[in-house]
Protein backbone atom coordinates (compact mmCIF):
# COMPACT_ATOMS: atom_id res chain seq x y z
CA MET A 1 147.22 192.06 124.83
CA SER A 2 146.41 193.39 128.29
CA GLU A 3 142.72 193.55 127.37
CA GLN A 4 142.60 189.84 126.54
CA LYS A 5 143.85 189.06 130.04
CA SER A 6 140.79 190.80 131.50
CA SER A 7 139.05 187.51 132.27
CA GLU A 8 141.93 186.65 134.65
CA GLN A 9 141.16 189.66 136.85
CA LYS A 10 138.64 189.53 139.69
CA PRO A 11 135.41 191.00 138.28
CA ALA A 12 132.16 190.93 140.21
CA GLU A 13 130.78 187.43 140.46
CA TYR A 14 127.80 186.43 138.33
CA SER A 15 125.00 185.42 140.67
CA GLY A 16 122.43 183.95 138.28
CA PRO A 17 121.46 180.30 137.83
CA GLN A 18 123.81 177.70 136.41
CA ARG A 19 123.07 176.60 132.87
CA VAL A 20 124.82 174.49 130.18
CA PHE A 21 124.92 175.39 126.48
CA SER A 22 126.29 173.35 123.60
CA GLY A 23 125.63 172.86 119.90
CA VAL A 24 126.31 170.61 116.93
CA GLN A 25 126.58 171.70 113.30
CA PRO A 26 124.12 170.27 110.72
CA SER A 27 126.80 169.47 108.16
CA GLY A 28 127.81 165.92 107.33
CA SER A 29 126.68 162.74 109.05
CA LEU A 30 127.29 162.35 112.77
CA HIS A 31 129.77 159.65 113.68
CA LEU A 32 131.00 157.61 116.62
CA GLY A 33 133.24 160.44 117.81
CA ASN A 34 130.27 162.84 117.99
CA TYR A 35 128.23 160.21 119.81
CA LEU A 36 130.82 159.29 122.44
CA GLY A 37 132.41 162.73 122.69
CA ALA A 38 129.23 164.80 122.86
CA LEU A 39 125.82 163.14 122.74
CA VAL A 40 126.44 160.57 125.48
CA LYS A 41 127.80 163.36 127.67
CA PHE A 42 124.74 165.52 126.96
CA VAL A 43 122.47 162.76 128.21
CA ALA A 44 124.33 162.68 131.53
CA MET A 45 124.41 166.49 131.83
CA GLN A 46 120.65 166.90 131.48
CA ASP A 47 120.23 165.36 134.94
CA GLN A 48 122.86 167.66 136.48
CA TYR A 49 122.11 171.09 134.96
CA PRO A 50 119.43 172.97 133.05
CA CYS A 51 120.69 172.29 129.51
CA ILE A 52 120.25 174.02 126.16
CA PHE A 53 121.34 171.97 123.15
CA CYS A 54 121.34 173.71 119.81
CA VAL A 55 121.61 172.73 116.15
CA VAL A 56 123.93 175.52 115.00
CA ASP A 57 122.70 176.16 111.48
CA LEU A 58 124.02 179.75 111.50
CA HIS A 59 127.49 178.31 111.97
CA ALA A 60 126.90 175.80 109.18
CA ILE A 61 126.58 178.53 106.54
CA THR A 62 130.09 179.86 107.19
CA VAL A 63 130.87 177.44 104.35
CA PRO A 64 128.56 176.78 101.37
CA GLN A 65 125.50 174.64 102.10
CA ASP A 66 122.78 173.34 99.82
CA PRO A 67 119.59 175.23 100.81
CA LYS A 68 117.54 172.21 99.73
CA LEU A 69 119.32 170.02 102.31
CA LEU A 70 120.00 172.28 105.27
CA ALA A 71 116.61 171.91 106.98
CA ALA A 72 116.75 168.12 106.63
CA GLN A 73 120.28 168.11 108.05
CA THR A 74 119.04 170.18 110.99
CA ARG A 75 116.32 167.61 111.63
CA GLU A 76 118.92 164.82 111.45
CA ILE A 77 121.01 166.38 114.21
CA ALA A 78 117.90 166.88 116.34
CA ALA A 79 116.97 163.24 115.71
CA ALA A 80 120.44 162.21 116.87
CA TYR A 81 120.01 164.16 120.11
CA LEU A 82 116.72 162.41 120.73
CA ALA A 83 117.97 158.95 119.71
CA ALA A 84 120.97 159.26 122.02
CA GLY A 85 118.63 159.90 124.95
CA VAL A 86 118.39 163.68 125.31
CA ASP A 87 114.91 164.25 126.75
CA PRO A 88 113.15 167.36 125.40
CA LYS A 89 111.20 167.52 128.67
CA LYS A 90 114.47 167.97 130.56
CA ALA A 91 116.64 169.84 128.03
CA ILE A 92 115.90 172.39 125.32
CA ILE A 93 116.60 171.23 121.75
CA PHE A 94 116.24 173.87 119.03
CA ALA A 95 117.62 175.32 115.80
CA GLN A 96 119.94 178.29 116.30
CA SER A 97 118.41 180.36 113.50
CA SER A 98 114.97 180.22 115.12
CA VAL A 99 116.13 182.48 117.98
CA LEU A 100 117.12 185.91 116.70
CA ALA A 101 119.13 186.73 119.82
CA HIS A 102 122.10 184.76 118.47
CA ALA A 103 122.57 187.03 115.46
CA GLU A 104 121.84 190.26 117.34
CA LEU A 105 124.19 189.51 120.22
CA GLY A 106 126.77 188.23 117.75
CA TRP A 107 126.87 191.69 116.12
CA ILE A 108 127.10 193.43 119.49
CA PHE A 109 129.99 191.17 120.46
CA ASN A 110 131.69 191.96 117.15
CA CYS A 111 131.88 195.49 118.47
CA VAL A 112 133.28 194.32 121.81
CA ALA A 113 135.83 191.72 120.67
CA ARG A 114 139.23 192.86 119.41
CA MET A 115 140.62 191.88 116.02
CA GLY A 116 143.80 190.57 117.58
CA TRP A 117 141.87 188.15 119.75
CA VAL A 118 140.06 186.59 116.79
CA GLU A 119 143.15 186.56 114.58
CA ARG A 120 144.86 184.34 117.14
CA MET A 121 142.25 181.58 116.86
CA THR A 122 144.24 178.59 115.63
CA GLN A 123 141.25 176.75 114.10
CA PHE A 124 140.70 179.58 111.63
CA LYS A 125 144.36 179.52 110.68
CA ASP A 126 144.11 175.79 110.00
CA LYS A 127 140.92 176.10 107.94
CA SER A 128 141.98 179.16 105.96
CA SER A 129 145.43 178.04 104.85
CA GLY A 130 146.10 176.95 101.29
CA LYS A 131 145.24 178.09 97.81
CA ASP A 132 141.60 178.98 98.58
CA ALA A 133 142.38 181.30 101.50
CA GLU A 134 141.05 184.38 99.68
CA ASN A 135 137.65 182.71 99.24
CA ILE A 136 137.14 182.13 102.96
CA SER A 137 134.03 183.91 104.27
CA VAL A 138 134.17 186.60 106.94
CA GLY A 139 131.79 184.36 108.88
CA LEU A 140 134.38 181.59 109.09
CA PHE A 141 136.85 184.10 110.53
CA ASP A 142 134.28 185.53 112.92
CA TYR A 143 132.39 182.43 114.06
CA PRO A 144 134.09 182.22 117.50
CA VAL A 145 132.41 185.56 118.30
CA LEU A 146 129.06 184.06 117.33
CA GLN A 147 129.88 181.13 119.60
CA ALA A 148 130.27 183.58 122.46
CA ALA A 149 126.84 184.99 121.62
CA ASP A 150 125.37 181.48 121.50
CA ILE A 151 126.53 180.86 125.05
CA LEU A 152 125.88 184.25 126.59
CA ALA A 153 122.46 184.90 125.05
CA TYR A 154 121.33 182.43 127.72
CA LYS A 155 123.89 183.54 130.33
CA ALA A 156 125.14 179.96 130.27
CA THR A 157 127.67 179.25 132.98
CA HIS A 158 129.11 175.97 131.68
CA VAL A 159 130.11 174.66 128.26
CA PRO A 160 131.26 171.11 127.47
CA VAL A 161 134.52 171.39 125.55
CA GLY A 162 137.19 169.25 123.96
CA GLU A 163 140.80 170.18 123.46
CA ASP A 164 140.06 171.95 120.16
CA GLN A 165 137.47 174.28 121.71
CA LYS A 166 139.29 175.54 124.80
CA GLN A 167 140.63 178.59 122.96
CA HIS A 168 137.15 179.56 121.78
CA LEU A 169 135.75 179.35 125.31
CA GLU A 170 138.55 181.60 126.52
CA LEU A 171 137.48 184.11 123.87
CA SER A 172 133.90 183.94 125.18
CA ARG A 173 135.17 184.67 128.67
CA ASP A 174 137.24 187.61 127.42
CA ILE A 175 134.26 189.06 125.54
CA ALA A 176 131.98 188.66 128.56
CA ALA A 177 134.50 190.33 130.86
CA LYS A 178 135.12 193.22 128.47
CA PHE A 179 131.37 193.80 127.95
CA ASN A 180 130.82 193.88 131.71
CA ARG A 181 133.67 196.34 132.15
CA ASP A 182 133.01 198.56 129.10
CA PHE A 183 129.37 199.08 130.00
CA ASN A 184 129.90 199.33 133.75
CA ALA A 185 127.80 196.24 134.32
CA PRO A 186 129.80 194.09 136.75
CA GLY A 187 128.60 190.50 136.88
CA PHE A 188 126.12 191.03 134.03
CA PHE A 189 127.44 188.15 131.93
CA PRO A 190 128.97 185.07 133.55
CA LEU A 191 132.46 183.96 132.56
CA PRO A 192 131.49 180.49 131.32
CA GLU A 193 133.43 177.58 132.74
CA PRO A 194 134.50 174.51 130.76
CA ILE A 195 133.17 171.04 131.43
CA TYR A 196 135.90 168.71 130.27
CA GLN A 197 134.32 165.68 128.75
CA GLY A 198 136.70 162.94 129.84
CA PRO A 199 136.89 159.51 128.19
CA GLY A 200 135.47 159.42 124.67
CA ALA A 201 135.97 163.12 124.10
CA ARG A 202 138.54 162.50 121.39
CA ILE A 203 137.88 159.47 119.20
CA MET A 204 140.44 159.10 116.44
CA SER A 205 140.19 158.06 112.78
CA LEU A 206 139.95 154.34 112.03
CA LYS A 207 142.52 154.84 109.28
CA ASP A 208 145.01 157.04 111.15
CA GLY A 209 145.13 157.00 114.93
CA THR A 210 146.91 160.36 115.04
CA LYS A 211 143.97 162.24 113.48
CA LYS A 212 140.61 162.98 115.08
CA MET A 213 137.60 161.17 113.62
CA SER A 214 135.94 163.76 111.38
CA LYS A 215 132.85 164.29 109.24
CA SER A 216 135.06 166.07 106.72
CA ASP A 217 137.50 163.21 106.16
CA PRO A 218 137.14 162.17 102.49
CA SER A 219 137.38 158.49 103.46
CA ASP A 220 134.12 157.10 104.82
CA ALA A 221 136.13 154.16 106.14
CA SER A 222 137.80 156.53 108.62
CA ARG A 223 134.66 156.81 110.75
CA ILE A 224 131.62 154.90 111.95
CA ASN A 225 128.55 156.95 111.08
CA LEU A 226 125.58 156.82 113.42
CA LEU A 227 123.40 155.62 110.55
CA ASP A 228 125.78 152.86 109.40
CA THR A 229 124.29 149.38 109.21
CA ALA A 230 125.59 146.50 111.32
CA ASP A 231 127.45 145.19 108.27
CA ASP A 232 129.01 148.61 107.64
CA ILE A 233 130.22 148.82 111.23
CA ALA A 234 131.69 145.32 111.20
CA LYS A 235 133.51 145.91 107.91
CA LYS A 236 134.96 149.24 109.01
CA ILE A 237 136.27 147.85 112.29
CA LYS A 238 137.69 144.75 110.57
CA ARG A 239 139.55 147.01 108.11
CA ALA A 240 140.59 149.60 110.71
CA THR A 241 144.31 150.30 110.79
CA SER A 242 146.08 148.32 113.52
CA ASP A 243 149.48 146.68 113.87
CA SER A 244 150.90 143.18 114.01
CA ASP A 245 151.72 143.16 117.74
CA LEU A 246 149.60 141.56 120.42
CA LEU A 247 147.64 143.82 122.71
CA PRO A 248 149.61 144.61 125.88
CA SER A 249 148.50 143.61 129.34
CA ASP A 250 149.05 147.13 130.69
CA VAL A 251 147.96 150.52 129.35
CA LYS A 252 151.58 151.69 129.36
CA GLY A 253 152.13 149.24 126.52
CA LEU A 254 149.82 151.29 124.28
CA ALA A 255 152.32 154.15 124.20
CA GLY A 256 153.45 154.78 120.64
CA ARG A 257 150.68 152.56 119.24
CA ALA A 258 148.12 155.19 118.22
CA GLU A 259 145.75 152.88 116.33
CA ALA A 260 145.77 150.18 119.01
CA ALA A 261 145.18 152.80 121.70
CA ASN A 262 142.27 154.24 119.73
CA LEU A 263 140.53 150.88 119.26
CA VAL A 264 141.01 149.93 122.91
CA GLY A 265 139.72 153.37 123.94
CA ILE A 266 136.61 152.99 121.79
CA TYR A 267 135.86 149.59 123.32
CA ALA A 268 136.36 150.97 126.84
CA VAL A 269 134.00 153.93 126.38
CA LEU A 270 131.33 151.88 124.61
CA ASN A 271 131.38 149.30 127.40
CA GLY A 272 131.72 151.71 130.30
CA GLN A 273 135.11 150.32 131.29
CA SER A 274 138.61 151.61 131.80
CA GLU A 275 141.23 150.82 129.17
CA GLN A 276 142.97 148.65 131.76
CA ASP A 277 139.78 146.61 132.18
CA VAL A 278 139.77 145.99 128.43
CA LEU A 279 143.40 144.92 128.43
CA ASN A 280 142.76 142.62 131.39
CA GLU A 281 140.43 140.74 129.05
CA PHE A 282 142.24 141.07 125.71
CA GLY A 283 145.89 141.61 126.66
CA GLY A 284 148.13 139.02 125.04
CA HIS A 285 145.65 138.48 122.18
CA GLY A 286 145.86 139.79 118.64
CA PHE A 287 143.45 141.95 116.71
CA GLY A 288 141.94 138.85 115.12
CA LYS A 289 140.16 138.26 118.42
CA PHE A 290 139.74 141.85 119.52
CA LYS A 291 138.25 143.42 116.39
CA PRO A 292 135.25 141.02 116.13
CA ALA A 293 134.49 141.66 119.80
CA LEU A 294 134.70 145.41 119.23
CA ALA A 295 132.46 145.13 116.17
CA ASP A 296 129.83 143.16 118.12
CA LEU A 297 129.91 145.72 120.94
CA ALA A 298 129.63 148.68 118.56
CA VAL A 299 126.69 147.12 116.75
CA ALA A 300 124.93 146.38 120.05
CA LYS A 301 125.39 149.94 121.33
CA LEU A 302 124.83 151.90 118.12
CA GLY A 303 122.14 149.76 116.48
CA PRO A 304 119.28 151.02 118.69
CA VAL A 305 120.45 154.63 118.24
CA ALA A 306 120.46 154.24 114.44
CA ASP A 307 117.04 152.58 114.48
CA THR A 308 115.54 155.43 116.50
CA MET A 309 117.19 158.04 114.28
CA ARG A 310 115.74 156.42 111.15
CA ARG A 311 112.27 156.32 112.71
CA LEU A 312 112.47 159.98 113.64
CA MET A 313 113.83 161.01 110.26
CA ASN A 314 110.88 159.24 108.66
CA ASP A 315 108.56 161.34 110.84
CA PRO A 316 109.83 164.91 110.39
CA GLY A 317 106.69 166.25 112.01
CA GLU A 318 107.72 164.77 115.36
CA VAL A 319 111.19 166.31 115.12
CA ASP A 320 109.73 169.66 114.02
CA ARG A 321 107.46 169.72 117.08
CA VAL A 322 110.49 169.25 119.34
CA LEU A 323 112.45 171.97 117.52
CA LYS A 324 109.52 174.42 117.54
CA SER A 325 108.84 173.93 121.24
CA GLY A 326 112.55 174.15 122.00
CA GLY A 327 112.89 177.36 120.03
CA GLU A 328 110.03 178.94 121.95
CA ARG A 329 111.54 177.89 125.29
CA ALA A 330 114.99 179.12 124.26
CA ASN A 331 113.54 182.47 123.21
CA GLU A 332 111.81 182.81 126.57
CA ILE A 333 115.26 182.76 128.15
CA ALA A 334 117.14 184.82 125.55
CA ALA A 335 114.59 187.60 124.94
CA PRO A 336 114.77 189.07 128.47
CA VAL A 337 118.57 188.84 128.34
CA MET A 338 118.57 190.85 125.11
CA ASP A 339 116.22 193.43 126.62
CA GLU A 340 118.75 193.88 129.41
CA VAL A 341 121.63 194.06 126.92
CA ARG A 342 119.95 196.84 124.92
CA LYS A 343 119.29 198.79 128.11
CA VAL A 344 122.88 198.37 129.34
CA ILE A 345 124.31 199.51 125.98
CA GLY A 346 121.97 202.50 125.84
CA PHE A 347 120.02 201.67 122.69
CA TRP A 348 116.85 203.67 122.11
CA ARG A 349 113.84 202.23 123.92
CA PRO A 350 110.29 203.58 123.62
């Protein structure tokens, strides 16, 4: 246990450049929660930091994937980055598997991380419970170590995180600190800092306001997919779970009303307002007035994104050019880091 606390000590400071890393899995259709919680934030970050945004296809195969679909799903995520406004001239967009440093550093970190650290990851416990626990892949158990490699292959200093990823970032910090200490390389890897994503980081299900909106939810009505049509969006919002009370005039009145709070929160983030601003307009009114307004706003904001995604997905060559260029640029950063890693560890070098 004392080893895991190593990141709380005062190791030598990392003195390299600041850099952001984040990634999205190519499994299932992206939805409103991904858009507001990640993609919109990425667009803002690209003007504040050098950014590396990855399609994490190595992570995707921790559970079975159809090999005939995986490449197309990777292109879809890249298209979503581009449609949301991530500029490949400012940020790097690439497929994880195209840069070998991820897998190599992941193995090295497997030999640095401690079993007890990984066993404490609560997400694995949640995913591996139930009757199929014995069929869970080692990769699903181990993927937080690969996440650490994803970040540190580029010596990234900042990672955008939601509540469900804070524990994994702490593991990355622990691994970085232990590597630096074990190999007498103070300050070699940074201890990456979280960027908390603020409003929109946790969009909840349209059917159950206590559960996060998810690609894996069996009910398509629980989420607004980025490729939904205007009619789909309007129908889903109209049928979203709400209650019979009027909207309050103050945000305190949303306490204990999970579905109402979720819908008001979605409107606020889509319109760049505070929740109180929304209630100043709609407080005292019922959902019969509010839901159509929310549907119109969602269609107006998401329609152009969906249109651009469809155009890009119909031109895979354009997306492939972005991914290829991004992979080359990512490798230009990661390859020298891996050369340093091999030297620090003491691997044979000609």
